[in-house]
Amino acid sequence: MEYPLARILGYIAASLDGFIATKEESLDWLFKYNSMDLGEHDYKTFLKRIRTIVMGRGTYDFIARGTSPWDYGAQRVIVVTSRPIDNPKGPLETCSDIDALISQLRKRDDGDVWMLGGGQLQMAFLERGAIDEIEIYLMPEIIGGGHPLFPPTGFRSSPRLIDAKVIDQGCVRLHYALG
């Protein structure tokens, strides 16, 4: 498969019933797997190959509310929002025009782009054909509702499976190519 200069990637965990967070925006169901051995697919290994992180305002606000330090000092971070961010948790840029952002990201050739979190922004990129690959870590949890991995918008696609692998503690890694 031939890629544009910059690949835009998804890397996300979801519950068995298809949610990325509870209605209350909790990830407690996911945090209990922090000791899971992802081997070569570990988050820190993935992050090393990323040069730009794109996230929506909801994801940024969730991270900013947390007590953890800003993990993204080595990457360029872009938050898609139309509202200013007062006292940002870490160095970042903001952008409100998704189409212009995608065009800008595609013109660079200095590493991969990670579409971090949030189903809404991820879906906006999918609808524009702007996600090249996605890794979904399907966790053995049923959380009964919340924020869906893919919000229902009417968008249809037939991703091509690159790899499926049982990882650890019942987690299954699904790796798809899109487009």
Protein backbone atom coordinates (compact mmCIF):
# COMPACT_ATOMS: atom_id res chain seq x y z
CA MET A 1 0.00 0.00 0.00
CA GLU A 2 1.32 3.44 -0.91
CA TYR A 3 0.95 6.23 1.65
CA PRO A 4 0.93 10.00 1.35
CA LEU A 5 3.92 11.77 2.87
CA ALA A 6 2.45 11.65 6.37
CA ARG A 7 0.41 8.71 7.65
CA ILE A 8 -2.44 9.53 10.01
CA LEU A 9 -2.96 6.73 12.49
CA GLY A 10 -5.51 5.76 15.09
CA TYR A 11 -4.47 3.90 18.24
CA ILE A 12 -7.31 3.45 20.71
CA ALA A 13 -8.83 1.07 23.25
CA ALA A 14 -12.51 0.16 23.28
CA SER A 15 -14.74 -1.96 25.45
CA LEU A 16 -16.20 -5.16 24.05
CA ASP A 17 -19.52 -3.32 23.61
CA GLY A 18 -17.85 -0.57 21.53
CA PHE A 19 -17.27 2.33 23.93
CA ILE A 20 -14.11 4.35 24.62
CA ALA A 21 -15.32 5.95 27.88
CA THR A 22 -18.33 5.74 30.17
CA LYS A 23 -21.12 8.35 30.09
CA GLU A 24 -19.29 10.09 32.95
CA GLU A 25 -16.09 10.15 30.84
CA SER A 26 -14.45 7.57 33.10
CA LEU A 27 -11.72 5.21 31.96
CA ASP A 28 -11.64 3.21 35.22
CA TRP A 29 -12.63 0.08 33.27
CA LEU A 30 -9.50 0.53 31.13
CA PHE A 31 -7.05 1.58 33.85
CA LYS A 32 -7.34 -1.80 35.52
CA TYR A 33 -5.34 -3.14 32.54
CA ASN A 34 -2.39 -0.77 33.05
CA SER A 35 -0.12 -3.71 33.88
CA MET A 36 -1.01 -5.52 30.66
CA ASP A 37 1.96 -6.55 28.51
CA LEU A 38 1.44 -5.16 25.00
CA GLY A 39 4.95 -6.13 23.91
CA GLU A 40 5.91 -4.49 20.60
CA HIS A 41 2.51 -2.75 20.52
CA ASP A 42 3.07 -0.87 23.78
CA TYR A 43 1.82 2.73 23.94
CA LYS A 44 5.29 4.13 24.70
CA THR A 45 6.77 2.30 21.70
CA PHE A 46 3.96 3.60 19.49
CA LEU A 47 4.43 7.16 20.78
CA LYS A 48 8.14 7.17 19.85
CA ARG A 49 7.30 7.05 16.13
CA ILE A 50 4.73 9.85 16.33
CA ARG A 51 5.74 13.40 15.39
CA THR A 52 2.32 15.10 15.64
CA ILE A 53 -0.65 14.39 17.88
CA VAL A 54 -4.10 15.67 16.94
CA MET A 55 -6.87 15.63 19.53
CA GLY A 56 -10.29 17.19 19.96
CA ARG A 57 -11.18 19.66 22.67
CA GLY A 58 -13.00 17.04 24.75
CA THR A 59 -9.95 14.77 24.79
CA TYR A 60 -7.67 17.70 25.64
CA ASP A 61 -9.96 18.81 28.50
CA PHE A 62 -10.03 15.23 29.83
CA ILE A 63 -6.21 15.05 29.79
CA ALA A 64 -5.85 18.55 31.25
CA ARG A 65 -8.15 17.68 34.21
CA GLY A 66 -5.94 14.73 35.11
CA THR A 67 -3.05 14.83 37.54
CA SER A 68 -0.62 13.06 35.22
CA PRO A 69 2.19 15.09 33.68
CA TRP A 70 1.97 16.13 30.02
CA ASP A 71 3.28 13.09 28.09
CA TYR A 72 3.64 14.82 24.74
CA GLY A 73 6.67 17.10 25.05
CA ALA A 74 8.51 15.36 22.20
CA GLN A 75 5.61 15.80 19.77
CA ARG A 76 3.82 18.68 18.13
CA VAL A 77 0.31 18.75 19.63
CA ILE A 78 -2.69 20.24 17.83
CA VAL A 79 -6.05 20.60 19.57
CA VAL A 80 -9.01 20.99 17.23
CA THR A 81 -11.19 23.64 18.87
CA SER A 82 -12.84 26.96 18.17
CA ARG A 83 -12.44 28.10 21.79
CA PRO A 84 -9.21 29.47 23.28
CA ILE A 85 -7.33 27.32 25.77
CA ASP A 86 -6.30 29.31 28.83
CA ASN A 87 -3.21 28.02 30.66
CA PRO A 88 -2.58 24.94 28.51
CA LYS A 89 -1.24 21.88 30.31
CA GLY A 90 1.58 21.54 27.79
CA PRO A 91 2.87 23.12 24.60
CA LEU A 92 0.21 22.97 21.91
CA GLU A 93 -1.37 24.65 18.92
CA THR A 94 -5.06 25.06 18.19
CA CYS A 95 -6.92 24.76 14.92
CA SER A 96 -10.61 25.06 14.06
CA ASP A 97 -10.55 24.10 10.36
CA ILE A 98 -10.34 20.31 10.00
CA ASP A 99 -9.94 20.36 6.21
CA ALA A 100 -7.05 22.84 6.34
CA LEU A 101 -5.45 20.82 9.14
CA ILE A 102 -5.64 17.56 7.16
CA SER A 103 -4.10 19.29 4.14
CA GLN A 104 -1.29 20.69 6.30
CA LEU A 105 -0.63 17.31 7.96
CA ARG A 106 -0.44 15.54 4.60
CA LYS A 107 2.17 17.96 3.26
CA ARG A 108 4.71 17.15 5.95
CA ASP A 109 7.08 14.21 5.78
CA ASP A 110 8.72 14.20 9.20
CA GLY A 111 6.85 11.31 10.80
CA ASP A 112 3.47 9.84 11.59
CA VAL A 113 0.43 11.63 12.99
CA TRP A 114 -1.67 10.15 15.79
CA MET A 115 -5.38 10.87 15.96
CA LEU A 116 -5.67 10.68 19.78
CA GLY A 117 -8.88 9.71 21.49
CA GLY A 118 -12.31 11.14 20.83
CA GLY A 119 -14.77 9.41 18.57
CA GLN A 120 -16.18 12.63 17.11
CA LEU A 121 -12.93 14.00 15.70
CA GLN A 122 -11.80 10.54 14.67
CA MET A 123 -15.07 10.16 12.75
CA ALA A 124 -14.59 13.58 11.09
CA PHE A 125 -11.18 12.39 9.85
CA LEU A 126 -12.62 9.03 8.72
CA GLU A 127 -15.40 10.76 6.78
CA ARG A 128 -12.72 12.75 4.92
CA GLY A 129 -10.65 9.66 4.16
CA ALA A 130 -7.89 11.01 6.38
CA ILE A 131 -7.04 8.04 8.59
CA ASP A 132 -4.69 5.56 6.95
CA GLU A 133 -4.56 2.88 9.64
CA ILE A 134 -6.19 2.23 12.99
CA GLU A 135 -5.18 -0.06 15.83
CA ILE A 136 -8.08 -0.93 18.10
CA TYR A 137 -7.36 -2.65 21.40
CA LEU A 138 -10.58 -4.48 22.23
CA MET A 139 -10.76 -4.93 25.99
CA PRO A 140 -12.74 -7.75 27.67
CA GLU A 141 -15.10 -5.31 29.40
CA ILE A 142 -18.76 -4.52 28.85
CA ILE A 143 -19.44 -1.04 30.23
CA GLY A 144 -23.08 -0.70 29.19
CA GLY A 145 -22.93 2.66 27.42
CA GLY A 146 -20.93 5.82 27.08
CA HIS A 147 -18.91 7.44 24.31
CA PRO A 148 -18.88 5.16 21.24
CA LEU A 149 -15.72 4.24 19.38
CA PHE A 150 -17.44 5.27 16.14
CA PRO A 151 -20.32 7.71 16.66
CA PRO A 152 -23.25 6.94 14.34
CA THR A 153 -23.09 9.44 11.45
CA GLY A 154 -24.15 7.31 8.51
CA PHE A 155 -20.52 6.94 7.37
CA ARG A 156 -19.72 3.58 5.81
CA SER A 157 -16.37 1.96 5.10
CA SER A 158 -14.84 -1.48 4.58
CA PRO A 159 -11.45 -1.40 6.31
CA ARG A 160 -8.93 -4.08 5.34
CA LEU A 161 -7.66 -6.21 8.23
CA ILE A 162 -3.86 -6.09 8.46
CA ASP A 163 -3.51 -8.12 11.65
CA ALA A 164 -5.49 -9.52 14.57
CA LYS A 165 -3.69 -10.69 17.66
CA VAL A 166 -4.55 -11.79 21.19
CA ILE A 167 -2.27 -9.70 23.41
CA ASP A 168 -2.66 -10.26 27.16
CA GLN A 169 -5.44 -10.51 29.75
CA GLY A 170 -8.04 -11.13 27.03
CA CYS A 171 -7.18 -8.02 25.00
CA VAL A 172 -7.34 -8.37 21.22
CA ARG A 173 -5.42 -6.01 18.92
CA LEU A 174 -7.16 -5.31 15.62
CA HIS A 175 -5.08 -3.46 13.01
CA TYR A 176 -6.88 -2.12 9.93
CA ALA A 177 -5.98 -0.15 6.82
CA LEU A 178 -8.57 2.35 5.64
CA GLY A 179 -9.11 3.78 2.21
